[in-house]
Amino acid sequence: MIAVTLAGAAVVPPLAACSSDEPAPGKVPQAATSAPASAEPTDEPDLHPFTGKPATGLKPVLAVKIENTAAGKPQLGLKSADIVYVEQVEAGLTRLMAIFSSKLPPKVGPVRSARISDLHIVPQFGKPAFAYSGAQTKMLPFIAQASLWDVSDSRAPGAYFRQPGRIAPYNLFANTKELLAKAPKASKAKDIGLAFGDAPAEGGVDKKSYTVRWPGARFTFAWSEEKKQWLIWQDGKKDMAAEGGQQSAPTVVVQYTKTERSQFHDKNQSYTPLVHSVGKGSAVVLRDGKAYKARWERKSEEEGTTFTTESGEPMNFAPGQVWIALASRKPVTP
């Protein structure tokens, strides 16, 4: 039995720092018309901390728990996510947690229930809005104590709707603007440790595809030179998006973590896995058609995860959406 302790996260709004030394008034009349000295303009745009792409401002963070079995596909809204986490759940299956901030799709789903591993991931974002559709009764007190704004279907019912043409429970979708409207104080995006930029000059191995396995699921990421993306396949089938096209990302991180049994289980006595996203370990970073061996470290739940090369340099991601697959070297069913 695993005792779970959740640490509250301090919400730190993004800070902008600038300096400007205003000259003293001149002794001649012409000096009064001179413009004050200021910092030199830069052509470098501000970059979003989740994607490395230009950003004009940082917006609130919305985390959504999304179904990831064949019965719930195709999913809607994932293409707009900044980060997509793949987490193991009961029976060795997987479920997704999508992080939105730089771009917000109108609708997202199917929205599914929360798991204890979610509560250990979200504190790095401060206090984000967290959308899900229910949880085990024994887990509700942990959600209440977690660093998040609860915008579940029970707390924000008006934001959810049943999508025609789908069967329950895979037909629950949500309007994202209404979700955020119920969490007006949700933390804005901030640095969570990710680095973006040119790929390392050394260490990459050419890869056409890379497969990651869980006990009840299999993902394959196949490089498309034409699209400059890793196309996503699940259980041997193309992972298609409801918006059209195949799910894909320019950067995929396979983060190898310790996964063990939590104190929670379903009615069939299938235990919920607890994925340890705090600590350190190995990873494989896929970008630009290459696989790079890397290391990851996250010192506390309030901090983000840093990825480095084997030599200790920052492991830069390609700008754009990032998929982070929380996997184990030897897949286990708790």
Protein backbone atom coordinates (compact mmCIF):
# COMPACT_ATOMS: atom_id res chain seq x y z
CA MET A 1 0.00 0.00 0.00
CA ILE A 2 1.44 3.37 -0.99
CA ALA A 3 0.87 6.45 1.10
CA VAL A 4 0.37 9.48 -1.11
CA THR A 5 1.30 12.97 0.04
CA LEU A 6 0.54 16.00 -2.08
CA ALA A 7 2.48 19.17 -1.60
CA GLY A 8 0.73 22.44 -2.28
CA ALA A 9 2.31 24.59 -4.93
CA ALA A 10 2.89 28.29 -4.66
CA VAL A 11 1.37 30.21 -7.52
CA VAL A 12 4.05 32.47 -8.94
CA PRO A 13 2.87 34.82 -11.66
CA PRO A 14 5.27 35.35 -14.54
CA LEU A 15 7.59 38.28 -13.96
CA ALA A 16 8.84 40.59 -16.68
CA ALA A 17 12.10 42.37 -15.93
CA CYS A 18 13.40 45.41 -17.74
CA SER A 19 15.73 48.31 -17.03
CA SER A 20 15.77 51.85 -18.26
CA ASP A 21 18.08 54.63 -17.09
CA GLU A 22 16.47 58.01 -17.76
CA PRO A 23 19.06 60.76 -18.30
CA ALA A 24 19.08 63.84 -16.14
CA PRO A 25 17.41 66.92 -17.68
CA GLY A 26 19.80 68.80 -19.99
CA LYS A 27 20.97 72.37 -19.36
CA VAL A 28 20.12 73.50 -22.90
CA PRO A 29 16.59 73.83 -24.30
CA GLN A 30 17.18 71.19 -26.99
CA ALA A 31 17.75 68.52 -24.31
CA ALA A 32 14.12 68.68 -23.24
CA THR A 33 13.06 67.20 -26.57
CA SER A 34 15.47 64.25 -26.41
CA ALA A 35 13.94 60.81 -25.83
CA PRO A 36 14.96 58.99 -22.66
CA ALA A 37 17.54 56.26 -23.07
CA SER A 38 16.00 52.80 -23.09
CA ALA A 39 16.94 49.19 -23.58
CA GLU A 40 17.92 48.38 -27.15
CA PRO A 41 15.08 46.77 -29.13
CA THR A 42 15.47 43.10 -29.91
CA ASP A 43 14.28 41.11 -32.89
CA GLU A 44 13.92 38.00 -30.72
CA PRO A 45 10.25 37.26 -29.90
CA ASP A 46 9.17 36.00 -26.52
CA LEU A 47 8.88 32.23 -26.63
CA HIS A 48 6.22 30.14 -24.98
CA PRO A 49 7.67 27.97 -22.17
CA PHE A 50 5.62 24.92 -23.21
CA THR A 51 6.28 24.98 -26.98
CA GLY A 52 9.27 27.23 -27.69
CA LYS A 53 7.17 29.10 -30.24
CA PRO A 54 6.64 32.89 -30.33
CA ALA A 55 4.09 34.07 -27.78
CA THR A 56 2.56 37.50 -27.35
CA GLY A 57 1.46 36.77 -23.80
CA LEU A 58 1.10 33.95 -21.33
CA LYS A 59 -2.39 32.58 -20.78
CA PRO A 60 -3.99 30.37 -18.09
CA VAL A 61 -3.22 26.66 -18.03
CA LEU A 62 -5.96 24.08 -18.57
CA ALA A 63 -5.27 20.38 -17.98
CA VAL A 64 -7.82 17.88 -19.34
CA LYS A 65 -7.97 14.12 -18.73
CA ILE A 66 -8.79 12.39 -22.02
CA GLU A 67 -9.82 8.85 -22.96
CA ASN A 68 -7.25 6.84 -24.88
CA THR A 69 -8.79 3.51 -25.84
CA ALA A 70 -10.31 2.56 -29.20
CA ALA A 71 -13.81 3.15 -27.83
CA GLY A 72 -13.04 6.83 -27.26
CA LYS A 73 -11.29 7.60 -30.54
CA PRO A 74 -10.96 9.81 -32.41
CA GLN A 75 -10.20 12.39 -29.73
CA LEU A 76 -11.06 16.04 -30.23
CA GLY A 77 -8.77 18.95 -29.34
CA LEU A 78 -5.47 17.14 -28.85
CA LYS A 79 -3.92 18.82 -31.87
CA SER A 80 -4.15 22.16 -30.03
CA ALA A 81 -2.44 20.94 -26.85
CA ASP A 82 0.98 22.26 -25.89
CA ILE A 83 1.94 19.09 -24.02
CA VAL A 84 0.34 15.64 -24.00
CA TYR A 85 1.19 13.20 -21.21
CA VAL A 86 0.64 9.46 -21.68
CA GLU A 87 -0.02 7.75 -18.33
CA GLN A 88 -0.59 4.12 -17.40
CA VAL A 89 -3.91 3.30 -15.72
CA GLU A 90 -5.62 0.09 -14.64
CA ALA A 91 -5.18 -3.15 -16.63
CA GLY A 92 -2.06 -1.74 -18.27
CA LEU A 93 -4.05 0.66 -20.47
CA THR A 94 -3.18 4.32 -20.96
CA ARG A 95 -4.97 7.62 -20.57
CA LEU A 96 -3.91 11.10 -21.65
CA MET A 97 -3.60 14.40 -19.85
CA ALA A 98 -3.50 17.29 -22.31
CA ILE A 99 -2.08 20.67 -21.27
CA PHE A 100 -3.50 23.73 -23.04
CA SER A 101 -2.35 27.33 -22.77
CA SER A 102 -0.89 28.87 -25.95
CA LYS A 103 -3.82 27.64 -28.04
CA LEU A 104 -7.30 26.71 -26.89
CA PRO A 105 -9.55 24.48 -29.01
CA PRO A 106 -13.28 25.25 -28.78
CA LYS A 107 -14.10 21.73 -27.57
CA VAL A 108 -12.16 18.80 -26.15
CA GLY A 109 -12.86 15.18 -25.31
CA PRO A 110 -13.82 12.52 -24.52
CA VAL A 111 -13.21 13.69 -20.95
CA ARG A 112 -12.61 10.87 -18.48
CA SER A 113 -11.92 10.33 -14.79
CA ALA A 114 -8.86 11.45 -12.84
CA ARG A 115 -6.07 9.28 -11.42
CA ILE A 116 -3.68 9.80 -8.53
CA SER A 117 -0.70 10.23 -10.88
CA ASP A 118 -2.38 13.36 -12.30
CA LEU A 119 -2.19 15.06 -8.94
CA HIS A 120 1.57 14.63 -8.85
CA ILE A 121 2.02 16.13 -12.34
CA VAL A 122 -0.14 19.27 -12.19
CA PRO A 123 1.58 21.17 -9.30
CA GLN A 124 4.49 22.10 -11.60
CA PHE A 125 2.03 24.36 -13.48
CA GLY A 126 1.17 26.30 -10.33
CA LYS A 127 -2.56 25.98 -9.82
CA PRO A 128 -4.07 25.14 -13.22
CA ALA A 129 -7.67 24.42 -14.11
CA PHE A 130 -8.14 20.64 -14.12
CA ALA A 131 -11.00 19.09 -16.12
CA TYR A 132 -12.04 15.49 -15.54
CA SER A 133 -15.21 13.44 -15.16
CA GLY A 134 -15.25 11.90 -11.71
CA ALA A 135 -12.85 9.96 -9.53
CA GLN A 136 -12.92 7.24 -6.92
CA THR A 137 -14.64 8.40 -3.75
CA LYS A 138 -11.50 7.70 -1.71
CA MET A 139 -9.51 9.98 -4.00
CA LEU A 140 -11.77 13.03 -3.71
CA PRO A 141 -10.05 14.36 -0.56
CA PHE A 142 -6.71 14.23 -2.38
CA ILE A 143 -8.16 16.25 -5.27
CA ALA A 144 -9.53 18.78 -2.80
CA GLN A 145 -6.05 19.25 -1.34
CA ALA A 146 -4.20 19.30 -4.65
CA SER A 147 -2.78 22.40 -6.32
CA LEU A 148 -5.50 22.82 -8.95
CA TRP A 149 -8.83 24.47 -9.69
CA ASP A 150 -11.45 21.74 -9.95
CA VAL A 151 -13.53 22.20 -13.11
CA SER A 152 -14.84 18.64 -13.31
CA ASP A 153 -18.30 17.79 -14.62
CA SER A 154 -19.62 17.93 -11.05
CA ARG A 155 -18.11 21.36 -10.32
CA ALA A 156 -18.71 22.96 -13.71
CA PRO A 157 -21.58 20.95 -15.24
CA GLY A 158 -22.56 23.72 -17.65
CA ALA A 159 -19.22 23.37 -19.46
CA TYR A 160 -19.88 19.75 -20.45
CA PHE A 161 -22.13 18.16 -23.06
CA ARG A 162 -22.85 14.75 -24.57
CA GLN A 163 -21.56 14.41 -28.12
CA PRO A 164 -24.14 12.89 -30.50
CA GLY A 165 -23.04 9.74 -32.27
CA ARG A 166 -20.94 8.44 -29.39
CA ILE A 167 -21.85 6.07 -26.59
CA ALA A 168 -21.41 6.70 -22.86
CA PRO A 169 -19.04 7.10 -21.13
CA TYR A 170 -17.06 8.04 -24.23
CA ASN A 171 -19.39 10.86 -25.28
CA LEU A 172 -18.62 13.47 -22.61
CA PHE A 173 -16.98 16.55 -24.11
CA ALA A 174 -16.33 20.06 -22.77
CA ASN A 175 -16.26 23.66 -23.94
CA THR A 176 -12.81 24.94 -23.02
CA LYS A 177 -13.69 28.63 -22.61
CA GLU A 178 -16.44 27.70 -20.17
CA LEU A 179 -14.02 25.52 -18.23
CA LEU A 180 -11.58 28.41 -17.81
CA ALA A 181 -14.44 30.77 -16.96
CA LYS A 182 -15.02 28.59 -13.88
CA ALA A 183 -11.37 29.00 -12.87
CA PRO A 184 -10.68 32.73 -13.27
CA LYS A 185 -7.59 32.53 -11.04
CA ALA A 186 -5.96 29.61 -12.85
CA SER A 187 -2.19 30.00 -13.08
CA LYS A 188 -0.72 31.31 -16.29
CA ALA A 189 1.94 29.38 -18.19
CA LYS A 190 5.43 29.59 -16.73
CA ASP A 191 8.80 27.93 -17.08
CA ILE A 192 8.56 24.22 -16.25
CA GLY A 193 12.11 23.31 -17.21
CA LEU A 194 11.71 22.54 -20.91
CA ALA A 195 14.36 23.83 -23.32
CA PHE A 196 13.86 24.46 -27.04
CA GLY A 197 16.37 25.13 -29.78
CA ASP A 198 18.85 23.42 -32.06
CA ALA A 199 19.36 19.69 -31.64
CA PRO A 200 22.57 18.50 -29.99
CA ALA A 201 25.45 18.27 -32.44
CA GLU A 202 26.27 14.75 -31.29
CA GLY A 203 24.58 11.74 -29.79
CA GLY A 204 21.57 11.33 -32.05
CA VAL A 205 20.89 8.02 -33.76
CA ASP A 206 18.81 7.96 -36.94
CA LYS A 207 15.39 6.43 -36.24
CA LYS A 208 12.53 5.78 -38.61
CA SER A 209 10.29 4.70 -35.74
CA TYR A 210 10.32 4.08 -32.00
CA THR A 211 7.89 1.84 -30.11
CA VAL A 212 6.89 2.17 -26.45
CA ARG A 213 4.94 -0.55 -24.65
CA TRP A 214 2.71 -0.67 -21.62
CA PRO A 215 1.12 -3.96 -20.48
CA GLY A 216 -2.11 -3.19 -22.35
CA ALA A 217 -1.09 -0.58 -24.93
CA ARG A 218 1.52 0.04 -27.59
CA PHE A 219 2.57 3.34 -29.17
CA THR A 220 4.75 3.72 -32.24
CA PHE A 221 6.16 7.09 -33.27
CA ALA A 222 7.17 7.13 -36.95
CA TRP A 223 9.19 10.00 -38.41
CA SER A 224 7.78 11.84 -41.42
CA GLU A 225 10.50 13.78 -43.21
CA GLU A 226 7.83 15.53 -45.29
CA LYS A 227 5.88 16.81 -42.27
CA LYS A 228 8.88 17.08 -39.93
CA GLN A 229 6.74 15.32 -37.35
CA TRP A 230 6.57 12.01 -35.51
CA LEU A 231 3.32 10.41 -36.68
CA ILE A 232 1.56 8.52 -33.90
CA TRP A 233 0.27 4.97 -34.12
CA GLN A 234 -1.47 3.14 -31.29
CA ASP A 235 -1.89 -0.63 -31.12
CA GLY A 236 -0.94 -0.92 -34.78
CA LYS A 237 -3.45 1.67 -36.04
CA LYS A 238 -3.03 5.27 -37.10
CA ASP A 239 -4.01 7.56 -34.22
CA MET A 240 -6.40 9.86 -36.04
CA ALA A 241 -7.74 13.19 -34.78
CA ALA A 242 -11.41 14.16 -34.88
CA GLU A 243 -10.32 17.43 -36.53
CA GLY A 244 -8.75 15.44 -39.33
CA GLY A 245 -5.32 13.98 -39.98
CA GLN A 246 -3.07 11.81 -37.85
CA GLN A 247 -1.90 12.81 -34.39
CA SER A 248 1.73 13.90 -34.52
CA ALA A 249 4.36 15.98 -32.76
CA PRO A 250 7.82 17.37 -33.61
CA THR A 251 9.16 16.16 -30.24
CA VAL A 252 8.34 12.96 -28.37
CA VAL A 253 9.87 12.21 -24.98
CA VAL A 254 9.87 8.69 -23.60
CA GLN A 255 10.44 9.31 -19.90
CA TYR A 256 11.25 6.12 -18.06
CA THR A 257 9.80 6.24 -14.55
CA LYS A 258 9.13 3.99 -11.61
CA THR A 259 5.56 2.68 -11.69
CA GLU A 260 4.06 0.81 -8.76
CA ARG A 261 0.78 0.02 -7.05
CA SER A 262 -1.12 2.90 -5.41
CA GLN A 263 -3.65 2.60 -2.62
CA PHE A 264 -6.52 2.93 -5.10
CA HIS A 265 -8.23 0.17 -7.06
CA ASP A 266 -11.40 -0.37 -9.05
CA LYS A 267 -14.35 -2.66 -8.30
CA ASN A 268 -12.54 -5.55 -9.98
CA GLN A 269 -9.60 -5.11 -7.58
CA SER A 270 -7.43 -3.84 -10.42
CA TYR A 271 -5.01 -1.48 -8.75
CA THR A 272 -4.35 2.01 -10.04
CA PRO A 273 -0.68 2.53 -10.95
CA LEU A 274 1.23 5.33 -9.27
CA VAL A 275 3.66 6.86 -11.77
CA HIS A 276 6.58 8.59 -10.04
CA SER A 277 7.20 11.77 -12.03
CA VAL A 278 9.39 13.28 -9.28
CA GLY A 279 12.96 12.04 -9.04
CA LYS A 280 15.45 11.28 -11.79
CA GLY A 281 15.98 8.72 -14.50
CA SER A 282 16.68 8.02 -18.14
CA ALA A 283 14.77 9.15 -21.20
CA VAL A 284 14.81 8.98 -24.97
CA VAL A 285 14.07 12.19 -26.86
CA LEU A 286 12.84 11.88 -30.44
CA ARG A 287 13.28 14.87 -32.73
CA ASP A 288 14.32 15.56 -36.33
CA GLY A 289 14.28 11.86 -37.21
CA LYS A 290 16.79 11.00 -34.50
CA ALA A 291 16.71 9.43 -31.05
CA TYR A 292 18.81 10.97 -28.28
CA LYS A 293 19.61 9.31 -24.97
CA ALA A 294 18.86 11.75 -22.17
CA ARG A 295 18.47 12.13 -18.43
CA TRP A 296 15.53 13.68 -16.59
CA GLU A 297 15.27 15.21 -13.14
CA ARG A 298 12.44 16.76 -11.16
CA LYS A 299 13.36 17.74 -7.63
CA SER A 300 9.88 18.39 -6.25
CA GLU A 301 6.24 18.49 -7.29
CA GLU A 302 6.34 22.28 -7.41
CA GLU A 303 9.20 22.22 -9.92
CA GLY A 304 9.23 21.20 -13.55
CA THR A 305 11.29 18.50 -15.20
CA THR A 306 14.65 19.24 -16.80
CA PHE A 307 16.04 17.06 -19.57
CA THR A 308 19.76 16.90 -20.30
CA THR A 309 22.01 15.08 -22.73
CA GLU A 310 24.27 12.30 -21.51
CA SER A 311 27.06 14.90 -21.24
CA GLY A 312 24.91 17.13 -19.01
CA GLU A 313 23.97 19.80 -21.54
CA PRO A 314 20.34 20.97 -21.87
CA MET A 315 18.39 18.63 -24.15
CA ASN A 316 16.68 21.00 -26.55
CA PHE A 317 13.28 20.08 -27.97
CA ALA A 318 12.06 21.08 -31.43
CA PRO A 319 9.57 23.98 -31.21
CA GLY A 320 5.95 22.87 -31.14
CA GLN A 321 3.80 20.30 -29.39
CA VAL A 322 5.54 17.86 -27.04
CA TRP A 323 4.31 14.35 -26.20
CA ILE A 324 5.70 12.90 -22.97
CA ALA A 325 5.19 9.16 -22.58
CA LEU A 326 5.61 8.13 -18.93
CA ALA A 327 6.79 4.56 -19.38
CA SER A 328 8.77 1.85 -17.57
CA ARG A 329 11.79 -0.06 -18.84
CA LYS A 330 10.02 -3.27 -17.90
CA PRO A 331 6.25 -2.72 -18.19
CA VAL A 332 4.44 -3.87 -15.05
CA THR A 333 0.83 -4.26 -14.04
CA PRO A 334 0.59 -3.28 -10.36
